[in-house]
């Protein structure tokens, strides 16, 4: 799920059921969202992800997203620990 504002898309949620993970579905969803964004006139796509989510970070890097920022201690984890959010951008033009 994402939203388009002017010429930027922000991806809000990318999710697959546990039993459907590691089958390329997130990649397909991301590619479809990027393509639709470009058709609608977006020039960039942004998202944020937990710094400790290595599979998602790997997916976004493989789709040519660039790490452009960090929100320190952004995500609250069970037990009270916090995790940084990484901000990624993909320039479509």
N, C-alpha and C. Protein backbone atom coordinates (compact mmCIF):
# COMPACT_ATOMS: atom_id res chain seq x y z
N UNK A 1 0.85 -1.16 0.00
CA UNK A 1 0.00 0.00 0.00
C UNK A 1 0.90 1.23 0.00
N UNK A 2 0.53 2.20 -0.78
CA UNK A 2 1.29 3.44 -0.84
C UNK A 2 0.38 4.60 -1.14
N UNK A 3 0.95 5.80 -1.11
CA UNK A 3 0.16 6.98 -1.45
C UNK A 3 1.00 7.93 -2.29
N UNK A 4 0.34 8.53 -3.25
CA UNK A 4 0.96 9.49 -4.16
C UNK A 4 0.58 10.89 -3.72
N UNK A 5 1.58 11.74 -3.51
CA UNK A 5 1.37 13.15 -3.21
C UNK A 5 2.28 13.93 -4.15
N UNK A 6 1.66 14.70 -5.01
CA UNK A 6 2.36 15.43 -6.07
C UNK A 6 3.15 14.44 -6.91
N UNK A 7 4.48 14.50 -6.84
CA UNK A 7 5.28 13.59 -7.66
C UNK A 7 6.08 12.58 -6.83
N UNK A 8 5.64 12.35 -5.59
CA UNK A 8 6.32 11.39 -4.72
C UNK A 8 5.33 10.33 -4.24
N UNK A 9 5.80 9.10 -4.21
CA UNK A 9 5.03 8.00 -3.63
C UNK A 9 5.71 7.58 -2.34
N UNK A 10 4.92 7.41 -1.31
CA UNK A 10 5.41 6.85 -0.06
C UNK A 10 4.80 5.47 0.10
N UNK A 11 5.63 4.46 0.20
CA UNK A 11 5.15 3.11 0.44
C UNK A 11 4.91 2.98 1.93
N UNK A 12 3.69 2.64 2.29
CA UNK A 12 3.30 2.56 3.69
C UNK A 12 3.41 1.14 4.24
N UNK A 13 3.04 0.15 3.44
CA UNK A 13 3.04 -1.24 3.92
C UNK A 13 3.39 -2.18 2.78
N UNK A 14 4.29 -3.10 3.07
CA UNK A 14 4.56 -4.25 2.21
C UNK A 14 4.50 -5.46 3.13
N UNK A 15 3.57 -6.37 2.87
CA UNK A 15 3.41 -7.50 3.79
C UNK A 15 2.98 -8.75 3.05
N UNK A 16 3.52 -9.88 3.52
CA UNK A 16 3.13 -11.20 3.02
C UNK A 16 2.88 -12.09 4.24
N UNK A 17 1.91 -12.97 4.12
CA UNK A 17 1.70 -13.96 5.18
C UNK A 17 2.97 -14.79 5.32
N UNK A 18 3.24 -15.24 6.52
CA UNK A 18 4.46 -16.00 6.80
C UNK A 18 4.62 -17.17 5.84
N UNK A 19 3.54 -17.89 5.58
CA UNK A 19 3.64 -19.07 4.71
C UNK A 19 3.88 -18.69 3.24
N UNK A 20 3.70 -17.42 2.89
CA UNK A 20 3.90 -16.97 1.50
C UNK A 20 5.23 -16.24 1.31
N UNK A 21 6.00 -16.10 2.38
CA UNK A 21 7.28 -15.39 2.27
C UNK A 21 8.31 -16.22 1.53
N UNK A 22 9.30 -15.51 0.98
CA UNK A 22 10.44 -16.12 0.26
C UNK A 22 9.98 -16.77 -1.04
N UNK A 23 8.91 -16.24 -1.65
CA UNK A 23 8.42 -16.76 -2.93
C UNK A 23 8.41 -15.68 -4.01
N UNK A 24 8.96 -14.50 -3.71
CA UNK A 24 9.02 -13.43 -4.68
C UNK A 24 7.79 -12.55 -4.75
N UNK A 25 6.85 -12.74 -3.85
CA UNK A 25 5.62 -11.95 -3.89
C UNK A 25 5.85 -10.49 -3.55
N UNK A 26 6.67 -10.22 -2.56
CA UNK A 26 6.97 -8.83 -2.20
C UNK A 26 7.66 -8.12 -3.36
N UNK A 27 8.57 -8.80 -4.04
CA UNK A 27 9.24 -8.22 -5.21
C UNK A 27 8.22 -7.89 -6.28
N UNK A 28 7.29 -8.80 -6.54
CA UNK A 28 6.26 -8.55 -7.55
C UNK A 28 5.39 -7.36 -7.17
N UNK A 29 5.01 -7.27 -5.89
CA UNK A 29 4.20 -6.15 -5.42
C UNK A 29 4.95 -4.84 -5.57
N UNK A 30 6.22 -4.85 -5.20
CA UNK A 30 7.03 -3.64 -5.30
C UNK A 30 7.19 -3.20 -6.75
N UNK A 31 7.47 -4.14 -7.64
CA UNK A 31 7.62 -3.80 -9.05
C UNK A 31 6.33 -3.23 -9.63
N UNK A 32 5.21 -3.81 -9.25
CA UNK A 32 3.91 -3.30 -9.72
C UNK A 32 3.65 -1.90 -9.18
N UNK A 33 3.98 -1.67 -7.92
CA UNK A 33 3.76 -0.35 -7.33
C UNK A 33 4.68 0.69 -7.97
N UNK A 34 5.93 0.32 -8.23
CA UNK A 34 6.87 1.25 -8.87
C UNK A 34 6.38 1.59 -10.28
N UNK A 35 5.94 0.58 -11.02
CA UNK A 35 5.46 0.81 -12.38
C UNK A 35 4.22 1.70 -12.38
N UNK A 36 3.27 1.41 -11.50
CA UNK A 36 2.06 2.23 -11.41
C UNK A 36 2.40 3.66 -11.00
N UNK A 37 3.36 3.82 -10.11
CA UNK A 37 3.78 5.15 -9.66
C UNK A 37 4.32 5.96 -10.83
N UNK A 38 5.15 5.34 -11.64
CA UNK A 38 5.72 6.03 -12.80
C UNK A 38 4.62 6.44 -13.78
N UNK A 39 3.67 5.55 -14.02
CA UNK A 39 2.56 5.84 -14.93
C UNK A 39 1.75 7.04 -14.43
N UNK A 40 1.61 7.15 -13.11
CA UNK A 40 0.85 8.25 -12.51
C UNK A 40 1.65 9.55 -12.40
N UNK A 41 2.90 9.52 -12.84
CA UNK A 41 3.71 10.74 -12.85
C UNK A 41 4.65 10.91 -11.68
N UNK A 42 4.80 9.91 -10.85
CA UNK A 42 5.72 10.01 -9.71
C UNK A 42 7.15 10.07 -10.22
N UNK A 43 7.96 10.85 -9.54
CA UNK A 43 9.39 10.94 -9.87
C UNK A 43 10.26 10.19 -8.87
N UNK A 44 9.68 9.87 -7.70
CA UNK A 44 10.43 9.15 -6.68
C UNK A 44 9.49 8.34 -5.81
N UNK A 45 10.06 7.28 -5.22
CA UNK A 45 9.33 6.42 -4.30
C UNK A 45 10.15 6.34 -3.02
N UNK A 46 9.50 6.56 -1.88
CA UNK A 46 10.16 6.51 -0.58
C UNK A 46 9.54 5.40 0.26
N UNK A 47 10.33 4.88 1.18
CA UNK A 47 9.83 3.95 2.18
C UNK A 47 10.76 3.96 3.36
N UNK A 48 10.29 3.42 4.47
CA UNK A 48 11.17 3.23 5.62
C UNK A 48 11.01 1.80 6.09
N UNK A 49 12.08 1.29 6.68
CA UNK A 49 12.12 -0.10 7.11
C UNK A 49 12.98 -0.19 8.36
N UNK A 50 12.65 -1.14 9.21
CA UNK A 50 13.46 -1.36 10.42
C UNK A 50 14.87 -1.78 10.02
N UNK A 51 15.85 -1.19 10.65
CA UNK A 51 17.25 -1.44 10.31
C UNK A 51 17.64 -2.91 10.50
N UNK A 52 16.93 -3.62 11.36
CA UNK A 52 17.26 -5.02 11.61
C UNK A 52 16.47 -5.99 10.72
N UNK A 53 15.73 -5.47 9.74
CA UNK A 53 14.96 -6.32 8.83
C UNK A 53 15.81 -6.58 7.57
N UNK A 54 16.80 -7.45 7.72
CA UNK A 54 17.75 -7.71 6.64
C UNK A 54 17.10 -8.19 5.34
N UNK A 55 16.10 -9.09 5.39
CA UNK A 55 15.48 -9.50 4.11
C UNK A 55 14.84 -8.33 3.36
N UNK A 56 14.14 -7.46 4.07
CA UNK A 56 13.50 -6.32 3.41
C UNK A 56 14.55 -5.34 2.89
N UNK A 57 15.56 -5.06 3.68
CA UNK A 57 16.63 -4.15 3.23
C UNK A 57 17.27 -4.71 1.96
N UNK A 58 17.52 -6.00 1.94
CA UNK A 58 18.10 -6.63 0.75
C UNK A 58 17.19 -6.50 -0.46
N UNK A 59 15.90 -6.69 -0.26
CA UNK A 59 14.94 -6.55 -1.36
C UNK A 59 14.97 -5.13 -1.90
N UNK A 60 14.90 -4.14 -1.03
CA UNK A 60 14.85 -2.75 -1.49
C UNK A 60 16.14 -2.36 -2.20
N UNK A 61 17.27 -2.78 -1.69
CA UNK A 61 18.55 -2.49 -2.37
C UNK A 61 18.58 -3.15 -3.75
N UNK A 62 18.05 -4.36 -3.86
CA UNK A 62 18.06 -5.06 -5.15
C UNK A 62 17.13 -4.39 -6.16
N UNK A 63 16.18 -3.59 -5.68
CA UNK A 63 15.27 -2.85 -6.55
C UNK A 63 15.76 -1.41 -6.77
N UNK A 64 17.03 -1.17 -6.48
CA UNK A 64 17.70 0.11 -6.74
C UNK A 64 17.24 1.24 -5.82
N UNK A 65 16.75 0.88 -4.63
CA UNK A 65 16.48 1.90 -3.63
C UNK A 65 17.79 2.29 -2.98
N UNK A 66 17.93 3.56 -2.69
CA UNK A 66 19.14 4.11 -2.08
C UNK A 66 18.83 4.53 -0.64
N UNK A 67 19.72 4.18 0.27
CA UNK A 67 19.56 4.59 1.67
C UNK A 67 19.84 6.09 1.77
N UNK A 68 18.84 6.86 2.22
CA UNK A 68 18.99 8.32 2.25
C UNK A 68 18.79 8.94 3.64
N UNK A 69 18.45 8.13 4.63
CA UNK A 69 18.25 8.70 5.95
C UNK A 69 18.02 7.64 7.01
N UNK A 70 17.99 8.10 8.25
CA UNK A 70 17.81 7.20 9.40
C UNK A 70 17.02 7.93 10.47
N UNK A 71 16.07 7.24 11.06
CA UNK A 71 15.33 7.76 12.22
C UNK A 71 15.79 6.93 13.41
N UNK A 72 16.56 7.54 14.26
CA UNK A 72 17.12 6.84 15.42
C UNK A 72 16.02 6.39 16.37
N UNK A 73 16.14 5.11 16.79
CA UNK A 73 15.26 4.55 17.81
C UNK A 73 13.78 4.78 17.49
N UNK A 74 13.40 4.59 16.24
CA UNK A 74 12.06 4.92 15.75
C UNK A 74 11.03 3.86 16.09
N UNK A 75 11.39 2.59 15.93
CA UNK A 75 10.45 1.49 16.17
C UNK A 75 10.58 0.98 17.60
N UNK A 76 9.46 0.86 18.29
CA UNK A 76 9.42 0.30 19.64
C UNK A 76 9.24 -1.21 19.53
N UNK A 77 10.10 -1.97 20.15
CA UNK A 77 10.03 -3.42 20.13
C UNK A 77 9.44 -3.94 21.43
N UNK A 78 8.97 -5.17 21.37
CA UNK A 78 8.51 -5.81 22.62
C UNK A 78 9.67 -5.84 23.60
N UNK A 79 9.37 -5.63 24.84
CA UNK A 79 10.41 -5.61 25.85
C UNK A 79 11.04 -4.24 26.02
N UNK A 80 10.58 -3.25 25.25
CA UNK A 80 11.06 -1.89 25.44
C UNK A 80 12.25 -1.46 24.61
N UNK A 81 12.87 -2.37 23.87
CA UNK A 81 14.00 -1.95 23.05
C UNK A 81 13.50 -1.16 21.85
N UNK A 82 14.40 -0.38 21.25
CA UNK A 82 14.04 0.42 20.09
C UNK A 82 15.00 0.11 18.95
N UNK A 83 14.50 0.29 17.73
CA UNK A 83 15.27 0.00 16.52
C UNK A 83 15.19 1.20 15.59
N UNK A 84 16.30 1.50 14.92
CA UNK A 84 16.31 2.59 13.94
C UNK A 84 15.46 2.24 12.73
N UNK A 85 14.92 3.25 12.09
CA UNK A 85 14.25 3.11 10.79
C UNK A 85 15.20 3.64 9.73
N UNK A 86 15.36 2.90 8.66
CA UNK A 86 16.14 3.35 7.52
C UNK A 86 15.19 3.90 6.47
N UNK A 87 15.54 5.03 5.89
CA UNK A 87 14.73 5.63 4.85
C UNK A 87 15.41 5.37 3.51
N UNK A 88 14.62 4.84 2.56
CA UNK A 88 15.13 4.51 1.24
C UNK A 88 14.35 5.29 0.19
N UNK A 89 15.03 5.59 -0.93
CA UNK A 89 14.41 6.32 -2.04
C UNK A 89 14.81 5.65 -3.36
N UNK A 90 13.86 5.62 -4.27
CA UNK A 90 14.11 5.16 -5.63
C UNK A 90 13.70 6.30 -6.56
N UNK A 91 14.66 6.83 -7.31
CA UNK A 91 14.36 7.89 -8.28
C UNK A 91 13.88 7.23 -9.56
N UNK A 92 12.71 7.62 -10.02
CA UNK A 92 12.11 7.00 -11.20
C UNK A 92 12.50 7.69 -12.49
N UNK A 93 13.07 8.88 -12.42
CA UNK A 93 13.44 9.59 -13.64
C UNK A 93 14.93 9.80 -13.72
